[in-house]
Amino acid sequence: MDPDAVARAFVEHYYRTFDTNRAGLAGLYQDSSMLSFEGEKIQGAAAITAKLTGLQFQQCQHNISTIDCQTSGPAGGVIVFVSGSLQLAGEPHALKFSQVWNYLYLGLLSCII
């Protein structure tokens, strides 16, 4: 497994799905997954999906600047760090963002924890 290729493919899939169909991200999370967002801790696939689909903006476009990764643990995990900008519909200026995941490959299932 090439961690850079895994990270790149994951990031492309995640943000394409986020920008076009946020509810489609639910399958990437498990009940033990945790999202930390602006000081709030959200646990579980359903709660995370509800948070992401309930954000105030509906249309956006992520532009990725960097993808950095490293392997994590003997189970084949990859820690992924992404930075870039987020353009919201109708807004003249893009917002900067960064995000970190602990991505796990679990045989036939891959998920974010």
C-alpha atoms as a PDB file:
ATOM      1  CA  MET A   1       0.000   0.000   0.000  1.00  0.00           C
ATOM      2  CA  ASP A   2       1.407   3.374  -1.051  1.00  0.00           C
ATOM      3  CA  PRO A   3       0.278   5.842   1.663  1.00  0.00           C
ATOM      4  CA  ASP A   4       0.629   8.845  -0.664  1.00  0.00           C
ATOM      5  CA  ALA A   5      -1.612   7.234  -3.295  1.00  0.00           C
ATOM      6  CA  VAL A   6      -4.156   6.214  -0.635  1.00  0.00           C
ATOM      7  CA  ALA A   7      -4.178   9.728   0.857  1.00  0.00           C
ATOM      8  CA  ARG A   8      -4.526  11.408  -2.545  1.00  0.00           C
ATOM      9  CA  ALA A   9      -7.369   9.101  -3.644  1.00  0.00           C
ATOM     10  CA  PHE A  10      -9.150   9.509  -0.310  1.00  0.00           C
ATOM     11  CA  VAL A  11      -8.872  13.314  -0.327  1.00  0.00           C
ATOM     12  CA  GLU A  12     -10.119  13.572  -3.918  1.00  0.00           C
ATOM     13  CA  HIS A  13     -13.091  11.322  -3.113  1.00  0.00           C
ATOM     14  CA  TYR A  14     -13.901  13.031   0.196  1.00  0.00           C
ATOM     15  CA  TYR A  15     -13.952  16.597  -1.097  1.00  0.00           C
ATOM     16  CA  ARG A  16     -15.683  15.746  -4.377  1.00  0.00           C
ATOM     17  CA  THR A  17     -18.410  14.071  -2.308  1.00  0.00           C
ATOM     18  CA  PHE A  18     -18.499  16.921   0.235  1.00  0.00           C
ATOM     19  CA  ASP A  19     -18.935  19.480  -2.543  1.00  0.00           C
ATOM     20  CA  THR A  20     -21.648  17.560  -4.424  1.00  0.00           C
ATOM     21  CA  ASN A  21     -23.445  15.263  -1.947  1.00  0.00           C
ATOM     22  CA  ARG A  22     -22.440  15.632   1.722  1.00  0.00           C
ATOM     23  CA  ALA A  23     -24.865  12.916   2.831  1.00  0.00           C
ATOM     24  CA  GLY A  24     -22.754  10.516   0.765  1.00  0.00           C
ATOM     25  CA  LEU A  25     -19.919  10.867   3.286  1.00  0.00           C
ATOM     26  CA  ALA A  26     -21.815   8.773   5.864  1.00  0.00           C
ATOM     27  CA  GLY A  27     -20.261   5.533   4.621  1.00  0.00           C
ATOM     28  CA  LEU A  28     -16.772   6.785   5.445  1.00  0.00           C
ATOM     29  CA  TYR A  29     -17.514   7.028   9.164  1.00  0.00           C
ATOM     30  CA  GLN A  30     -18.182   4.422  11.861  1.00  0.00           C
ATOM     31  CA  ASP A  31     -20.010   4.677  15.188  1.00  0.00           C
ATOM     32  CA  SER A  32     -16.622   5.170  16.869  1.00  0.00           C
ATOM     33  CA  SER A  33     -15.581   7.979  14.471  1.00  0.00           C
ATOM     34  CA  MET A  34     -15.091  11.427  15.999  1.00  0.00           C
ATOM     35  CA  LEU A  35     -15.279  14.849  14.344  1.00  0.00           C
ATOM     36  CA  SER A  36     -13.869  17.842  16.201  1.00  0.00           C
ATOM     37  CA  PHE A  37     -15.320  21.002  14.672  1.00  0.00           C
ATOM     38  CA  GLU A  38     -14.870  24.478  16.134  1.00  0.00           C
ATOM     39  CA  GLY A  39     -14.581  23.163  19.696  1.00  0.00           C
ATOM     40  CA  GLU A  40     -17.456  20.682  19.390  1.00  0.00           C
ATOM     41  CA  LYS A  41     -16.898  16.903  19.539  1.00  0.00           C
ATOM     42  CA  ILE A  42     -19.307  14.901  17.359  1.00  0.00           C
ATOM     43  CA  GLN A  43     -19.244  11.097  17.510  1.00  0.00           C
ATOM     44  CA  GLY A  44     -20.727   8.482  15.205  1.00  0.00           C
ATOM     45  CA  ALA A  45     -21.552   8.291  11.510  1.00  0.00           C
ATOM     46  CA  ALA A  46     -25.112   9.591  11.872  1.00  0.00           C
ATOM     47  CA  ALA A  47     -24.168  12.553  14.084  1.00  0.00           C
ATOM     48  CA  ILE A  48     -21.211  13.521  11.885  1.00  0.00           C
ATOM     49  CA  THR A  49     -23.316  13.314   8.734  1.00  0.00           C
ATOM     50  CA  ALA A  50     -26.029  15.428  10.378  1.00  0.00           C
ATOM     51  CA  LYS A  51     -23.439  18.055  11.308  1.00  0.00           C
ATOM     52  CA  LEU A  52     -21.941  18.186   7.810  1.00  0.00           C
ATOM     53  CA  THR A  53     -25.295  18.295   6.011  1.00  0.00           C
ATOM     54  CA  GLY A  54     -26.573  20.927   8.456  1.00  0.00           C
ATOM     55  CA  LEU A  55     -23.818  23.465   7.790  1.00  0.00           C
ATOM     56  CA  GLN A  56     -25.139  26.919   6.869  1.00  0.00           C
ATOM     57  CA  PHE A  57     -23.834  26.779   3.303  1.00  0.00           C
ATOM     58  CA  GLN A  58     -25.101  24.341   0.698  1.00  0.00           C
ATOM     59  CA  GLN A  59     -22.816  25.006  -2.261  1.00  0.00           C
ATOM     60  CA  CYS A  60     -19.047  25.107  -1.998  1.00  0.00           C
ATOM     61  CA  GLN A  61     -15.864  24.212  -3.820  1.00  0.00           C
ATOM     62  CA  HIS A  62     -12.748  22.930  -2.048  1.00  0.00           C
ATOM     63  CA  ASN A  63      -9.390  23.752  -3.631  1.00  0.00           C
ATOM     64  CA  ILE A  64      -6.650  21.560  -2.177  1.00  0.00           C
ATOM     65  CA  SER A  65      -3.193  23.102  -1.681  1.00  0.00           C
ATOM     66  CA  THR A  66      -1.353  20.345   0.210  1.00  0.00           C
ATOM     67  CA  ILE A  67      -1.823  16.700   1.128  1.00  0.00           C
ATOM     68  CA  ASP A  68       0.643  15.292   3.652  1.00  0.00           C
ATOM     69  CA  CYS A  69       0.458  11.821   5.130  1.00  0.00           C
ATOM     70  CA  GLN A  70       2.238   9.175   7.117  1.00  0.00           C
ATOM     71  CA  THR A  71       1.439   5.622   8.070  1.00  0.00           C
ATOM     72  CA  SER A  72      -0.030   5.025  11.520  1.00  0.00           C
ATOM     73  CA  GLY A  73       0.129   1.790  13.405  1.00  0.00           C
ATOM     74  CA  PRO A  74       0.468  -1.827  12.353  1.00  0.00           C
ATOM     75  CA  ALA A  75      -3.110  -2.059  11.004  1.00  0.00           C
ATOM     76  CA  GLY A  76      -2.253  -0.034   7.913  1.00  0.00           C
ATOM     77  CA  GLY A  77      -3.698   3.309   8.909  1.00  0.00           C
ATOM     78  CA  VAL A  78      -2.729   6.602   7.309  1.00  0.00           C
ATOM     79  CA  ILE A  79      -2.811   9.987   9.023  1.00  0.00           C
ATOM     80  CA  VAL A  80      -3.747  12.565   6.392  1.00  0.00           C
ATOM     81  CA  PHE A  81      -3.309  16.344   6.699  1.00  0.00           C
ATOM     82  CA  VAL A  82      -4.951  18.574   4.076  1.00  0.00           C
ATOM     83  CA  SER A  83      -4.881  22.323   3.636  1.00  0.00           C
ATOM     84  CA  GLY A  84      -6.506  24.522   1.067  1.00  0.00           C
ATOM     85  CA  SER A  85      -9.272  27.003   0.456  1.00  0.00           C
ATOM     86  CA  LEU A  86     -13.045  26.753   0.501  1.00  0.00           C
ATOM     87  CA  GLN A  87     -15.043  28.906  -1.896  1.00  0.00           C
ATOM     88  CA  LEU A  88     -18.654  29.440  -0.836  1.00  0.00           C
ATOM     89  CA  ALA A  89     -21.281  30.293  -3.432  1.00  0.00           C
ATOM     90  CA  GLY A  90     -21.867  34.037  -3.621  1.00  0.00           C
ATOM     91  CA  GLU A  91     -18.843  34.936  -1.487  1.00  0.00           C
ATOM     92  CA  PRO A  92     -16.064  37.017  -3.053  1.00  0.00           C
ATOM     93  CA  HIS A  93     -13.223  35.590  -0.933  1.00  0.00           C
ATOM     94  CA  ALA A  94     -12.274  31.988  -0.255  1.00  0.00           C
ATOM     95  CA  LEU A  95     -11.796  30.713   3.310  1.00  0.00           C
ATOM     96  CA  LYS A  96      -8.618  28.875   4.324  1.00  0.00           C
ATOM     97  CA  PHE A  97      -9.064  25.446   5.891  1.00  0.00           C
ATOM     98  CA  SER A  98      -7.069  22.507   7.193  1.00  0.00           C
ATOM     99  CA  GLN A  99      -8.239  19.055   8.174  1.00  0.00           C
ATOM    100  CA  VAL A 100      -6.638  15.931   9.650  1.00  0.00           C
ATOM    101  CA  TRP A 101      -7.910  12.338   9.442  1.00  0.00           C
ATOM    102  CA  ASN A 102      -6.835   9.005  10.783  1.00  0.00           C
ATOM    103  CA  TYR A 103      -7.847   6.828   7.846  1.00  0.00           C
ATOM    104  CA  LEU A 104      -8.012   3.059   8.388  1.00  0.00           C
ATOM    105  CA  TYR A 105      -8.120   0.260   5.871  1.00  0.00           C
ATOM    106  CA  LEU A 106     -10.217  -2.565   7.339  1.00  0.00           C
ATOM    107  CA  GLY A 107     -10.173  -5.209   4.609  1.00  0.00           C
ATOM    108  CA  LEU A 108     -13.256  -4.622   2.484  1.00  0.00           C
ATOM    109  CA  LEU A 109     -14.113  -1.526   4.509  1.00  0.00           C
ATOM    110  CA  SER A 110     -12.229   1.726   4.808  1.00  0.00           C
ATOM    111  CA  CYS A 111     -13.225   4.420   7.260  1.00  0.00           C
ATOM    112  CA  ILE A 112     -12.247   7.527   9.136  1.00  0.00           C
ATOM    113  CA  ILE A 113     -11.848   7.317  12.878  1.00  0.00           C
END
